[in-house]
Amino acid sequence: MAGPHRRFSFALALTLFLATASCSLQAATTYFEVAAGSGPHDVAADPAADGPVYYTAQHTGKLGILDPRSGKVEEIPLGKGSAPHGVIVGPDRAAWITDSGLNAIVRVDARSRAVEFWPLPATAANANLNTAAFDGAGRLWFTGQSGYYGRFDPATKALQVWAAPGGRGAYGIASTPDGQIYYASLAGNHIAHVDPESGKATVIAPPTPGQGARRIWSDSRGRLWVSYWNTGHVGCYDPVKKTWREWPLPGKARTYSVWVDEKDKVWLAEWTRNALIRFDPVSERFTAFPSDRPDARVRQMLGRTGEIWGAESANDRLVRIATDF
């Protein structure tokens, strides 16, 4: 009698543990509706706890501002022809936008809501602006999928654009803790390091060919994490050792974006499973947070201490996951 009773107790305990873990993951996720038809593309949270969360309403040419405490949404029109793609929060706490429709860098002041524009030069017409990041000197770097990357200095208002090595594809971009700049090339199947002073870009090829490096982010050690759209991997490049490691996500994954939290856990937007995925580089385990609606299409992810944020572009809502579970 003792043996079967012990087996039953263990099975019951395991069932209760899995049920509790599932409830915990569900409780960590909160959704916020935004304006219907806005098509939120990228999202960026102010670093202050409960501060505003910005998103690009790509379909309507606006910057959205969510108050996560109340759920209230404010929208700032960016002008005729606007199709904003990326948004980040700058050192000045303003929202900085890469607007592919206007072919311009756009700044929206956090307090006054004043909108400023800096158009790209004629040599980079139709750059198809994508994403931006600040370097260690407070300069804004950006990418254009048509085959460009550039730099804007908010202090001098100087704007420069370079042709990307390998042509089309410059996509996600990120800075390391020491202010270095790296971008990913989706069509070019590589990442590149940009010298912040000279502007020269050096191509770094991942081991997996044709991987479709889409987005990139740095961890606290300066290692670059890369989402592979075509092959469904997450890659990690160590610029000190000049070495790569790669992990395939479960199933036939389509890995859109990547972000690394303050605990150096890696977060990925995965379209096949319709989920946000947490990857622990120490245990090498993946944990899925599926959306409660089909075909959510989370594109960019960003976050702040204790939170990861994404934009469900097909559902016109934002998603927040508390990372302190």
C-alpha atoms as a PDB file:
ATOM      1  CA  MET A   1       0.000   0.000   0.000  1.00  0.00           C
ATOM      2  CA  ALA A   2       2.853   2.379   0.822  1.00  0.00           C
ATOM      3  CA  GLY A   3       4.387   2.320  -2.672  1.00  0.00           C
ATOM      4  CA  PRO A   4       1.261   3.191  -4.710  1.00  0.00           C
ATOM      5  CA  HIS A   5       0.279   5.847  -2.167  1.00  0.00           C
ATOM      6  CA  ARG A   6       3.679   7.570  -2.555  1.00  0.00           C
ATOM      7  CA  ARG A   7       3.395   7.484  -6.362  1.00  0.00           C
ATOM      8  CA  PHE A   8      -0.104   8.972  -6.191  1.00  0.00           C
ATOM      9  CA  SER A   9       1.067  11.740  -3.839  1.00  0.00           C
ATOM     10  CA  PHE A  10       3.966  12.641  -6.133  1.00  0.00           C
ATOM     11  CA  ALA A  11       1.715  12.738  -9.214  1.00  0.00           C
ATOM     12  CA  LEU A  12      -0.798  14.921  -7.364  1.00  0.00           C
ATOM     13  CA  ALA A  13       1.952  17.254  -6.169  1.00  0.00           C
ATOM     14  CA  LEU A  14       3.346  17.543  -9.699  1.00  0.00           C
ATOM     15  CA  THR A  15      -0.118  18.314 -11.090  1.00  0.00           C
ATOM     16  CA  LEU A  16      -0.670  21.010  -8.480  1.00  0.00           C
ATOM     17  CA  PHE A  17       2.773  22.483  -9.156  1.00  0.00           C
ATOM     18  CA  LEU A  18       2.164  22.682 -12.921  1.00  0.00           C
ATOM     19  CA  ALA A  19      -1.270  24.228 -12.376  1.00  0.00           C
ATOM     20  CA  THR A  20       0.194  26.794  -9.982  1.00  0.00           C
ATOM     21  CA  ALA A  21       3.032  27.603 -12.420  1.00  0.00           C
ATOM     22  CA  SER A  22       0.535  28.057 -15.273  1.00  0.00           C
ATOM     23  CA  CYS A  23      -1.604  30.404 -13.168  1.00  0.00           C
ATOM     24  CA  SER A  24       1.528  32.316 -12.160  1.00  0.00           C
ATOM     25  CA  LEU A  25       2.524  32.847 -15.799  1.00  0.00           C
ATOM     26  CA  GLN A  26      -1.004  33.974 -16.699  1.00  0.00           C
ATOM     27  CA  ALA A  27      -1.136  36.350 -13.717  1.00  0.00           C
ATOM     28  CA  ALA A  28       2.152  37.931 -14.830  1.00  0.00           C
ATOM     29  CA  THR A  29       0.575  39.089 -18.118  1.00  0.00           C
ATOM     30  CA  THR A  30      -1.591  42.204 -18.557  1.00  0.00           C
ATOM     31  CA  TYR A  31      -3.101  43.603 -21.765  1.00  0.00           C
ATOM     32  CA  PHE A  32      -3.899  47.233 -22.619  1.00  0.00           C
ATOM     33  CA  GLU A  33      -6.237  48.137 -25.477  1.00  0.00           C
ATOM     34  CA  VAL A  34      -5.186  51.026 -27.721  1.00  0.00           C
ATOM     35  CA  ALA A  35      -7.031  52.836 -30.515  1.00  0.00           C
ATOM     36  CA  ALA A  36      -8.684  50.519 -33.032  1.00  0.00           C
ATOM     37  CA  GLY A  37      -6.893  50.454 -36.369  1.00  0.00           C
ATOM     38  CA  SER A  38      -3.696  52.000 -35.002  1.00  0.00           C
ATOM     39  CA  GLY A  39      -1.494  48.977 -35.727  1.00  0.00           C
ATOM     40  CA  PRO A  40       0.993  49.511 -32.869  1.00  0.00           C
ATOM     41  CA  HIS A  41       4.422  48.540 -34.164  1.00  0.00           C
ATOM     42  CA  ASP A  42       7.137  49.320 -31.622  1.00  0.00           C
ATOM     43  CA  VAL A  43       6.817  50.095 -27.921  1.00  0.00           C
ATOM     44  CA  ALA A  44       9.061  51.788 -25.347  1.00  0.00           C
ATOM     45  CA  ALA A  45       8.502  52.248 -21.611  1.00  0.00           C
ATOM     46  CA  ASP A  46       9.821  55.230 -19.701  1.00  0.00           C
ATOM     47  CA  PRO A  47      12.339  53.848 -17.177  1.00  0.00           C
ATOM     48  CA  ALA A  48      10.407  55.208 -14.183  1.00  0.00           C
ATOM     49  CA  ALA A  49       8.100  52.692 -12.501  1.00  0.00           C
ATOM     50  CA  ASP A  50       4.531  53.301 -13.741  1.00  0.00           C
ATOM     51  CA  GLY A  51       5.854  55.949 -16.141  1.00  0.00           C
ATOM     52  CA  PRO A  52       4.288  56.372 -19.592  1.00  0.00           C
ATOM     53  CA  VAL A  53       4.608  53.726 -22.285  1.00  0.00           C
ATOM     54  CA  TYR A  54       5.002  54.939 -25.860  1.00  0.00           C
ATOM     55  CA  TYR A  55       4.040  53.095 -29.022  1.00  0.00           C
ATOM     56  CA  THR A  56       4.099  53.877 -32.724  1.00  0.00           C
ATOM     57  CA  ALA A  57       0.624  53.835 -34.295  1.00  0.00           C
ATOM     58  CA  GLN A  58       1.983  52.940 -37.710  1.00  0.00           C
ATOM     59  CA  HIS A  59      -1.355  52.750 -39.530  1.00  0.00           C
ATOM     60  CA  THR A  60      -2.579  56.161 -38.377  1.00  0.00           C
ATOM     61  CA  GLY A  61       0.645  58.193 -38.244  1.00  0.00           C
ATOM     62  CA  LYS A  62       0.593  58.918 -34.521  1.00  0.00           C
ATOM     63  CA  LEU A  63       2.587  58.411 -31.365  1.00  0.00           C
ATOM     64  CA  GLY A  64       0.538  56.666 -28.696  1.00  0.00           C
ATOM     65  CA  ILE A  65       1.114  57.302 -24.994  1.00  0.00           C
ATOM     66  CA  LEU A  66      -0.315  54.828 -22.472  1.00  0.00           C
ATOM     67  CA  ASP A  67      -0.708  55.511 -18.758  1.00  0.00           C
ATOM     68  CA  PRO A  68      -0.451  51.940 -17.412  1.00  0.00           C
ATOM     69  CA  ARG A  69      -1.962  52.936 -14.058  1.00  0.00           C
ATOM     70  CA  SER A  70      -5.277  54.073 -15.539  1.00  0.00           C
ATOM     71  CA  GLY A  71      -5.184  52.480 -18.994  1.00  0.00           C
ATOM     72  CA  LYS A  72      -5.748  55.917 -20.556  1.00  0.00           C
ATOM     73  CA  VAL A  73      -4.309  56.389 -24.047  1.00  0.00           C
ATOM     74  CA  GLU A  74      -3.297  59.697 -25.617  1.00  0.00           C
ATOM     75  CA  GLU A  75      -2.319  60.033 -29.283  1.00  0.00           C
ATOM     76  CA  ILE A  76      -0.067  62.662 -30.868  1.00  0.00           C
ATOM     77  CA  PRO A  77      -0.457  63.157 -34.654  1.00  0.00           C
ATOM     78  CA  LEU A  78       2.938  63.243 -36.368  1.00  0.00           C
ATOM     79  CA  GLY A  79       1.847  64.829 -39.641  1.00  0.00           C
ATOM     80  CA  LYS A  80       0.581  63.989 -43.098  1.00  0.00           C
ATOM     81  CA  GLY A  81       2.223  60.927 -44.573  1.00  0.00           C
ATOM     82  CA  SER A  82       3.595  59.703 -41.241  1.00  0.00           C
ATOM     83  CA  ALA A  83       4.165  55.966 -40.801  1.00  0.00           C
ATOM     84  CA  PRO A  84       6.194  55.646 -37.601  1.00  0.00           C
ATOM     85  CA  HIS A  85       8.147  52.441 -37.149  1.00  0.00           C
ATOM     86  CA  GLY A  86      10.461  52.560 -34.115  1.00  0.00           C
ATOM     87  CA  VAL A  87      10.271  54.441 -30.825  1.00  0.00           C
ATOM     88  CA  ILE A  88      12.692  54.643 -27.901  1.00  0.00           C
ATOM     89  CA  VAL A  89      12.972  56.825 -24.799  1.00  0.00           C
ATOM     90  CA  GLY A  90      16.050  59.056 -24.968  1.00  0.00           C
ATOM     91  CA  PRO A  91      18.361  60.318 -22.221  1.00  0.00           C
ATOM     92  CA  ASP A  92      16.190  63.460 -22.219  1.00  0.00           C
ATOM     93  CA  ARG A  93      13.130  61.250 -21.482  1.00  0.00           C
ATOM     94  CA  ALA A  94      11.545  62.312 -24.782  1.00  0.00           C
ATOM     95  CA  ALA A  95      10.146  59.831 -27.295  1.00  0.00           C
ATOM     96  CA  TRP A  96      12.434  59.460 -30.332  1.00  0.00           C
ATOM     97  CA  ILE A  97      10.816  58.009 -33.437  1.00  0.00           C
ATOM     98  CA  THR A  98      12.082  56.620 -36.740  1.00  0.00           C
ATOM     99  CA  ASP A  99       9.331  57.563 -39.187  1.00  0.00           C
ATOM    100  CA  SER A 100       9.524  55.728 -42.499  1.00  0.00           C
ATOM    101  CA  GLY A 101       6.603  57.649 -43.981  1.00  0.00           C
ATOM    102  CA  LEU A 102       8.174  61.044 -43.295  1.00  0.00           C
ATOM    103  CA  ASN A 103      11.725  59.723 -43.879  1.00  0.00           C
ATOM    104  CA  ALA A 104      12.683  61.667 -40.776  1.00  0.00           C
ATOM    105  CA  ILE A 105      13.820  61.404 -37.183  1.00  0.00           C
ATOM    106  CA  VAL A 106      11.044  62.694 -34.932  1.00  0.00           C
ATOM    107  CA  ARG A 107      11.158  63.822 -31.298  1.00  0.00           C
ATOM    108  CA  VAL A 108       8.089  64.241 -29.085  1.00  0.00           C
ATOM    109  CA  ASP A 109       8.657  66.104 -25.832  1.00  0.00           C
ATOM    110  CA  ALA A 110       7.417  64.172 -22.797  1.00  0.00           C
ATOM    111  CA  ARG A 111       5.882  67.225 -21.124  1.00  0.00           C
ATOM    112  CA  SER A 112       4.857  69.729 -23.778  1.00  0.00           C
ATOM    113  CA  ARG A 113       4.094  67.094 -26.461  1.00  0.00           C
ATOM    114  CA  ALA A 114       5.892  69.374 -28.955  1.00  0.00           C
ATOM    115  CA  VAL A 115       6.908  67.541 -32.137  1.00  0.00           C
ATOM    116  CA  GLU A 116      10.227  68.179 -33.919  1.00  0.00           C
ATOM    117  CA  PHE A 117      11.407  66.712 -37.240  1.00  0.00           C
ATOM    118  CA  TRP A 118      14.798  66.150 -38.857  1.00  0.00           C
ATOM    119  CA  PRO A 119      14.406  64.839 -42.431  1.00  0.00           C
ATOM    120  CA  LEU A 120      17.071  62.618 -43.933  1.00  0.00           C
ATOM    121  CA  PRO A 121      19.102  64.081 -46.821  1.00  0.00           C
ATOM    122  CA  ALA A 122      18.099  63.564 -50.439  1.00  0.00           C
ATOM    123  CA  THR A 123      20.904  61.019 -50.800  1.00  0.00           C
ATOM    124  CA  ALA A 124      18.909  58.723 -48.496  1.00  0.00           C
ATOM    125  CA  ALA A 125      15.432  59.282 -49.912  1.00  0.00           C
ATOM    126  CA  ASN A 126      13.017  56.454 -49.067  1.00  0.00           C
ATOM    127  CA  ALA A 127      15.441  54.982 -46.555  1.00  0.00           C
ATOM    128  CA  ASN A 128      12.610  52.971 -44.955  1.00  0.00           C
ATOM    129  CA  LEU A 129      13.611  54.002 -41.456  1.00  0.00           C
ATOM    130  CA  ASN A 130      13.439  51.245 -38.884  1.00  0.00           C
ATOM    131  CA  THR A 131      14.939  51.488 -35.392  1.00  0.00           C
ATOM    132  CA  ALA A 132      17.165  53.746 -33.262  1.00  0.00           C
ATOM    133  CA  ALA A 133      19.540  53.615 -30.283  1.00  0.00           C
ATOM    134  CA  PHE A 134      21.664  56.130 -28.374  1.00  0.00           C
ATOM    135  CA  ASP A 135      25.413  55.678 -28.046  1.00  0.00           C
ATOM    136  CA  GLY A 136      27.526  56.520 -25.003  1.00  0.00           C
ATOM    137  CA  ALA A 137      27.913  60.145 -26.115  1.00  0.00           C
ATOM    138  CA  GLY A 138      24.168  60.757 -26.392  1.00  0.00           C
ATOM    139  CA  ARG A 139      24.015  60.547 -30.192  1.00  0.00           C
ATOM    140  CA  LEU A 140      21.125  58.797 -31.901  1.00  0.00           C
ATOM    141  CA  TRP A 141      21.945  56.015 -34.371  1.00  0.00           C
ATOM    142  CA  PHE A 142      19.314  54.611 -36.726  1.00  0.00           C
ATOM    143  CA  THR A 143      18.765  52.096 -39.500  1.00  0.00           C
ATOM    144  CA  GLY A 144      16.948  52.137 -42.838  1.00  0.00           C
ATOM    145  CA  GLN A 145      15.967  48.858 -44.479  1.00  0.00           C
ATOM    146  CA  SER A 146      16.694  50.200 -47.950  1.00  0.00           C
ATOM    147  CA  GLY A 147      20.389  49.964 -47.092  1.00  0.00           C
ATOM    148  CA  TYR A 148      21.285  52.823 -44.758  1.00  0.00           C
ATOM    149  CA  TYR A 149      22.339  53.604 -41.227  1.00  0.00           C
ATOM    150  CA  GLY A 150      22.935  57.027 -39.732  1.00  0.00           C
ATOM    151  CA  ARG A 151      23.686  59.258 -36.779  1.00  0.00           C
ATOM    152  CA  PHE A 152      21.921  62.323 -35.382  1.00  0.00           C
ATOM    153  CA  ASP A 153      23.532  64.520 -32.729  1.00  0.00           C
ATOM    154  CA  PRO A 154      20.826  66.260 -30.638  1.00  0.00           C
ATOM    155  CA  ALA A 155      23.391  68.778 -29.344  1.00  0.00           C
ATOM    156  CA  THR A 156      24.542  70.054 -32.761  1.00  0.00           C
ATOM    157  CA  LYS A 157      21.584  68.864 -34.886  1.00  0.00           C
ATOM    158  CA  ALA A 158      24.091  67.302 -37.297  1.00  0.00           C
ATOM    159  CA  LEU A 159      22.654  64.355 -39.223  1.00  0.00           C
ATOM    160  CA  GLN A 160      24.780  61.935 -41.250  1.00  0.00           C
ATOM    161  CA  VAL A 161      23.827  58.879 -43.292  1.00  0.00           C
ATOM    162  CA  TRP A 162      25.998  56.037 -44.606  1.00  0.00           C
ATOM    163  CA  ALA A 163      25.321  53.274 -47.116  1.00  0.00           C
ATOM    164  CA  ALA A 164      25.165  49.945 -45.278  1.00  0.00           C
ATOM    165  CA  PRO A 165      27.723  47.324 -46.309  1.00  0.00           C
ATOM    166  CA  GLY A 166      25.976  44.571 -48.208  1.00  0.00           C
ATOM    167  CA  GLY A 167      23.088  46.810 -49.273  1.00  0.00           C
ATOM    168  CA  ARG A 168      19.492  46.306 -48.153  1.00  0.00           C
ATOM    169  CA  GLY A 169      18.441  44.972 -44.781  1.00  0.00           C
ATOM    170  CA  ALA A 170      19.627  47.199 -41.902  1.00  0.00           C
ATOM    171  CA  TYR A 171      16.972  46.581 -39.251  1.00  0.00           C
ATOM    172  CA  GLY A 172      17.260  46.351 -35.442  1.00  0.00           C
ATOM    173  CA  ILE A 173      19.915  48.379 -33.643  1.00  0.00           C
ATOM    174  CA  ALA A 174      21.217  48.502 -30.071  1.00  0.00           C
ATOM    175  CA  SER A 175      23.923  49.958 -27.865  1.00  0.00           C
ATOM    176  CA  THR A 176      26.102  48.092 -25.367  1.00  0.00           C
ATOM    177  CA  PRO A 177      26.720  49.215 -21.759  1.00  0.00           C
ATOM    178  CA  ASP A 178      29.948  50.912 -22.912  1.00  0.00           C
ATOM    179  CA  GLY A 179      28.116  52.802 -25.670  1.00  0.00           C
ATOM    180  CA  GLN A 180      29.095  50.735 -28.706  1.00  0.00           C
ATOM    181  CA  ILE A 181      26.593  50.405 -31.562  1.00  0.00           C
ATOM    182  CA  TYR A 182      25.555  47.224 -33.366  1.00  0.00           C
ATOM    183  CA  TYR A 183      22.776  46.629 -35.873  1.00  0.00           C
ATOM    184  CA  ALA A 184      21.216  43.557 -37.474  1.00  0.00           C
ATOM    185  CA  SER A 185      20.627  43.152 -41.211  1.00  0.00           C
ATOM    186  CA  LEU A 186      17.565  41.086 -42.037  1.00  0.00           C
ATOM    187  CA  ALA A 187      18.157  40.867 -45.798  1.00  0.00           C
ATOM    188  CA  GLY A 188      21.933  40.838 -45.381  1.00  0.00           C
ATOM    189  CA  ASN A 189      21.941  37.942 -42.870  1.00  0.00           C
ATOM    190  CA  HIS A 190      24.532  39.525 -40.601  1.00  0.00           C
ATOM    191  CA  ILE A 191      25.115  41.931 -37.764  1.00  0.00           C
ATOM    192  CA  ALA A 192      27.472  44.901 -37.935  1.00  0.00           C
ATOM    193  CA  HIS A 193      29.507  46.896 -35.460  1.00  0.00           C
ATOM    194  CA  VAL A 194      29.525  50.654 -36.066  1.00  0.00           C
ATOM    195  CA  ASP A 195      32.439  52.742 -34.878  1.00  0.00           C
ATOM    196  CA  PRO A 196      30.681  55.608 -33.036  1.00  0.00           C
ATOM    197  CA  GLU A 197      33.294  58.159 -34.136  1.00  0.00           C
ATOM    198  CA  SER A 198      34.129  57.300 -37.744  1.00  0.00           C
ATOM    199  CA  GLY A 199      30.762  55.768 -38.592  1.00  0.00           C
ATOM    200  CA  LYS A 200      32.406  52.776 -40.280  1.00  0.00           C
ATOM    201  CA  ALA A 201      30.368  49.574 -40.142  1.00  0.00           C
ATOM    202  CA  THR A 202      32.098  46.192 -39.910  1.00  0.00           C
ATOM    203  CA  VAL A 203      30.090  43.095 -40.871  1.00  0.00           C
ATOM    204  CA  ILE A 204      30.029  40.142 -38.457  1.00  0.00           C
ATOM    205  CA  ALA A 205      28.456  36.987 -39.906  1.00  0.00           C
ATOM    206  CA  PRO A 206      26.611  34.490 -37.684  1.00  0.00           C
ATOM    207  CA  PRO A 207      27.485  30.793 -38.148  1.00  0.00           C
ATOM    208  CA  THR A 208      24.047  29.903 -39.517  1.00  0.00           C
ATOM    209  CA  PRO A 209      23.710  31.023 -43.158  1.00  0.00           C
ATOM    210  CA  GLY A 210      20.542  32.748 -44.337  1.00  0.00           C
ATOM    211  CA  GLN A 211      19.371  33.189 -40.758  1.00  0.00           C
ATOM    212  CA  GLY A 212      17.623  36.560 -41.217  1.00  0.00           C
ATOM    213  CA  ALA A 213      19.113  38.463 -38.273  1.00  0.00           C
ATOM    214  CA  ARG A 214      16.242  40.820 -37.473  1.00  0.00           C
ATOM    215  CA  ARG A 215      16.675  42.473 -34.082  1.00  0.00           C
ATOM    216  CA  ILE A 216      19.561  42.789 -31.678  1.00  0.00           C
ATOM    217  CA  TRP A 217      20.088  43.641 -28.005  1.00  0.00           C
ATOM    218  CA  SER A 218      22.941  43.739 -25.511  1.00  0.00           C
ATOM    219  CA  ASP A 219      23.099  42.102 -22.102  1.00  0.00           C
ATOM    220  CA  SER A 220      24.876  43.596 -19.098  1.00  0.00           C
ATOM    221  CA  ARG A 221      28.188  42.052 -20.203  1.00  0.00           C
ATOM    222  CA  GLY A 222      28.075  43.581 -23.682  1.00  0.00           C
ATOM    223  CA  ARG A 223      27.204  40.326 -25.441  1.00  0.00           C
ATOM    224  CA  LEU A 224      24.887  40.795 -28.414  1.00  0.00           C
ATOM    225  CA  TRP A 225      21.713  38.720 -28.601  1.00  0.00           C
ATOM    226  CA  VAL A 226      20.152  38.363 -32.049  1.00  0.00           C
ATOM    227  CA  SER A 227      16.749  37.059 -33.195  1.00  0.00           C
ATOM    228  CA  TYR A 228      16.876  34.963 -36.378  1.00  0.00           C
ATOM    229  CA  TRP A 229      13.658  35.426 -38.323  1.00  0.00           C
ATOM    230  CA  ASN A 230      14.301  32.902 -41.096  1.00  0.00           C
ATOM    231  CA  THR A 231      15.623  29.977 -39.061  1.00  0.00           C
ATOM    232  CA  GLY A 232      13.996  30.512 -35.654  1.00  0.00           C
ATOM    233  CA  HIS A 233      17.150  30.725 -33.552  1.00  0.00           C
ATOM    234  CA  VAL A 234      18.449  33.093 -30.926  1.00  0.00           C
ATOM    235  CA  GLY A 235      22.133  33.848 -31.377  1.00  0.00           C
ATOM    236  CA  CYS A 236      24.687  35.373 -29.017  1.00  0.00           C
ATOM    237  CA  TYR A 237      27.871  37.111 -30.152  1.00  0.00           C
ATOM    238  CA  ASP A 238      30.649  37.862 -27.669  1.00  0.00           C
ATOM    239  CA  PRO A 239      32.641  40.832 -29.058  1.00  0.00           C
ATOM    240  CA  VAL A 240      35.511  40.231 -26.611  1.00  0.00           C
ATOM    241  CA  LYS A 241      36.032  36.572 -27.508  1.00  0.00           C
ATOM    242  CA  LYS A 242      34.670  37.074 -31.041  1.00  0.00           C
ATOM    243  CA  THR A 243      32.643  33.888 -30.690  1.00  0.00           C
ATOM    244  CA  TRP A 244      29.052  32.868 -31.397  1.00  0.00           C
ATOM    245  CA  ARG A 245      26.561  30.564 -29.716  1.00  0.00           C
ATOM    246  CA  GLU A 246      23.140  29.733 -31.142  1.00  0.00           C
ATOM    247  CA  TRP A 247      20.026  28.006 -29.797  1.00  0.00           C
ATOM    248  CA  PRO A 248      17.023  26.883 -31.899  1.00  0.00           C
ATOM    249  CA  LEU A 249      13.649  27.749 -30.438  1.00  0.00           C
ATOM    250  CA  PRO A 250      11.209  24.841 -30.081  1.00  0.00           C
ATOM    251  CA  GLY A 251       9.296  23.923 -33.229  1.00  0.00           C
ATOM    252  CA  LYS A 252       9.384  25.777 -36.535  1.00  0.00           C
ATOM    253  CA  ALA A 253       9.863  29.182 -34.987  1.00  0.00           C
ATOM    254  CA  ARG A 254       9.769  32.663 -36.539  1.00  0.00           C
ATOM    255  CA  THR A 255      11.739  34.803 -34.103  1.00  0.00           C
ATOM    256  CA  TYR A 256      10.977  38.472 -34.664  1.00  0.00           C
ATOM    257  CA  SER A 257      12.568  40.499 -31.875  1.00  0.00           C
ATOM    258  CA  VAL A 258      14.786  40.206 -28.826  1.00  0.00           C
ATOM    259  CA  TRP A 259      15.243  42.148 -25.575  1.00  0.00           C
ATOM    260  CA  VAL A 260      17.347  41.392 -22.483  1.00  0.00           C
ATOM    261  CA  ASP A 261      16.057  42.247 -19.020  1.00  0.00           C
ATOM    262  CA  GLU A 262      18.004  43.450 -15.976  1.00  0.00           C
ATOM    263  CA  LYS A 263      18.567  39.833 -14.865  1.00  0.00           C
ATOM    264  CA  ASP A 264      20.123  39.000 -18.251  1.00  0.00           C
ATOM    265  CA  LYS A 265      17.155  36.836 -19.183  1.00  0.00           C
ATOM    266  CA  VAL A 266      16.513  36.967 -22.930  1.00  0.00           C
ATOM    267  CA  TRP A 267      13.016  37.705 -24.250  1.00  0.00           C
ATOM    268  CA  LEU A 268      11.864  36.884 -27.775  1.00  0.00           C
ATOM    269  CA  ALA A 269       8.742  37.561 -29.835  1.00  0.00           C
ATOM    270  CA  GLU A 270       7.888  34.307 -31.600  1.00  0.00           C
ATOM    271  CA  TRP A 271       5.174  34.326 -34.260  1.00  0.00           C
ATOM    272  CA  THR A 272       4.615  30.603 -34.897  1.00  0.00           C
ATOM    273  CA  ARG A 273       3.641  29.908 -31.274  1.00  0.00           C
ATOM    274  CA  ASN A 274       1.958  33.331 -31.008  1.00  0.00           C
ATOM    275  CA  ALA A 275       3.918  33.915 -27.818  1.00  0.00           C
ATOM    276  CA  LEU A 276       6.560  35.873 -26.023  1.00  0.00           C
ATOM    277  CA  ILE A 277       9.375  33.562 -24.991  1.00  0.00           C
ATOM    278  CA  ARG A 278      11.790  33.877 -22.084  1.00  0.00           C
ATOM    279  CA  PHE A 279      15.173  32.196 -22.545  1.00  0.00           C
ATOM    280  CA  ASP A 280      17.443  31.584 -19.562  1.00  0.00           C
ATOM    281  CA  PRO A 281      21.045  31.438 -20.848  1.00  0.00           C
ATOM    282  CA  VAL A 282      22.185  29.643 -17.671  1.00  0.00           C
ATOM    283  CA  SER A 283      19.698  26.754 -17.720  1.00  0.00           C
ATOM    284  CA  GLU A 284      19.176  27.041 -21.507  1.00  0.00           C
ATOM    285  CA  ARG A 285      15.425  26.702 -20.954  1.00  0.00           C
ATOM    286  CA  PHE A 286      12.631  28.415 -22.878  1.00  0.00           C
ATOM    287  CA  THR A 287       9.380  29.519 -21.198  1.00  0.00           C
ATOM    288  CA  ALA A 288       6.422  30.551 -23.377  1.00  0.00           C
ATOM    289  CA  PHE A 289       3.840  33.238 -22.613  1.00  0.00           C
ATOM    290  CA  PRO A 290       1.190  32.695 -25.316  1.00  0.00           C
ATOM    291  CA  SER A 291      -1.213  35.478 -26.209  1.00  0.00           C
ATOM    292  CA  ASP A 292      -4.874  34.937 -25.318  1.00  0.00           C
ATOM    293  CA  ARG A 293      -5.820  36.071 -28.847  1.00  0.00           C
ATOM    294  CA  PRO A 294      -4.717  34.448 -32.117  1.00  0.00           C
ATOM    295  CA  ASP A 295      -2.172  35.937 -34.510  1.00  0.00           C
ATOM    296  CA  ALA A 296      -1.042  38.753 -32.175  1.00  0.00           C
ATOM    297  CA  ARG A 297       2.123  39.624 -34.165  1.00  0.00           C
ATOM    298  CA  VAL A 298       4.301  41.214 -31.515  1.00  0.00           C
ATOM    299  CA  ARG A 299       7.124  43.037 -33.260  1.00  0.00           C
ATOM    300  CA  GLN A 300       9.530  45.071 -31.151  1.00  0.00           C
ATOM    301  CA  MET A 301       9.883  44.517 -27.414  1.00  0.00           C
ATOM    302  CA  LEU A 302      11.423  46.817 -24.834  1.00  0.00           C
ATOM    303  CA  GLY A 303      11.084  47.030 -21.086  1.00  0.00           C
ATOM    304  CA  ARG A 304      12.174  48.444 -17.768  1.00  0.00           C
ATOM    305  CA  THR A 305      13.031  47.034 -14.353  1.00  0.00           C
ATOM    306  CA  GLY A 306      10.556  44.275 -13.546  1.00  0.00           C
ATOM    307  CA  GLU A 307       8.578  44.554 -16.810  1.00  0.00           C
ATOM    308  CA  ILE A 308       8.718  43.477 -20.441  1.00  0.00           C
ATOM    309  CA  TRP A 309       6.515  45.313 -22.973  1.00  0.00           C
ATOM    310  CA  GLY A 310       5.389  44.358 -26.464  1.00  0.00           C
ATOM    311  CA  ALA A 311       2.899  45.639 -29.022  1.00  0.00           C
ATOM    312  CA  GLU A 312       0.350  43.183 -30.435  1.00  0.00           C
ATOM    313  CA  SER A 313       0.203  44.877 -33.811  1.00  0.00           C
ATOM    314  CA  ALA A 314      -2.668  42.766 -35.155  1.00  0.00           C
ATOM    315  CA  ASN A 315      -4.781  43.120 -31.991  1.00  0.00           C
ATOM    316  CA  ASP A 316      -4.366  46.864 -31.365  1.00  0.00           C
ATOM    317  CA  ARG A 317      -3.160  46.383 -27.826  1.00  0.00           C
ATOM    318  CA  LEU A 318      -0.006  46.357 -25.729  1.00  0.00           C
ATOM    319  CA  VAL A 319       1.131  43.498 -23.514  1.00  0.00           C
ATOM    320  CA  ARG A 320       3.069  43.699 -20.263  1.00  0.00           C
ATOM    321  CA  ILE A 321       4.705  40.783 -18.489  1.00  0.00           C
ATOM    322  CA  ALA A 322       5.960  41.192 -14.924  1.00  0.00           C
ATOM    323  CA  THR A 323       9.416  39.596 -14.761  1.00  0.00           C
ATOM    324  CA  ASP A 324       9.669  39.183 -10.989  1.00  0.00           C
ATOM    325  CA  PHE A 325       7.924  35.815 -10.816  1.00  0.00           C
END
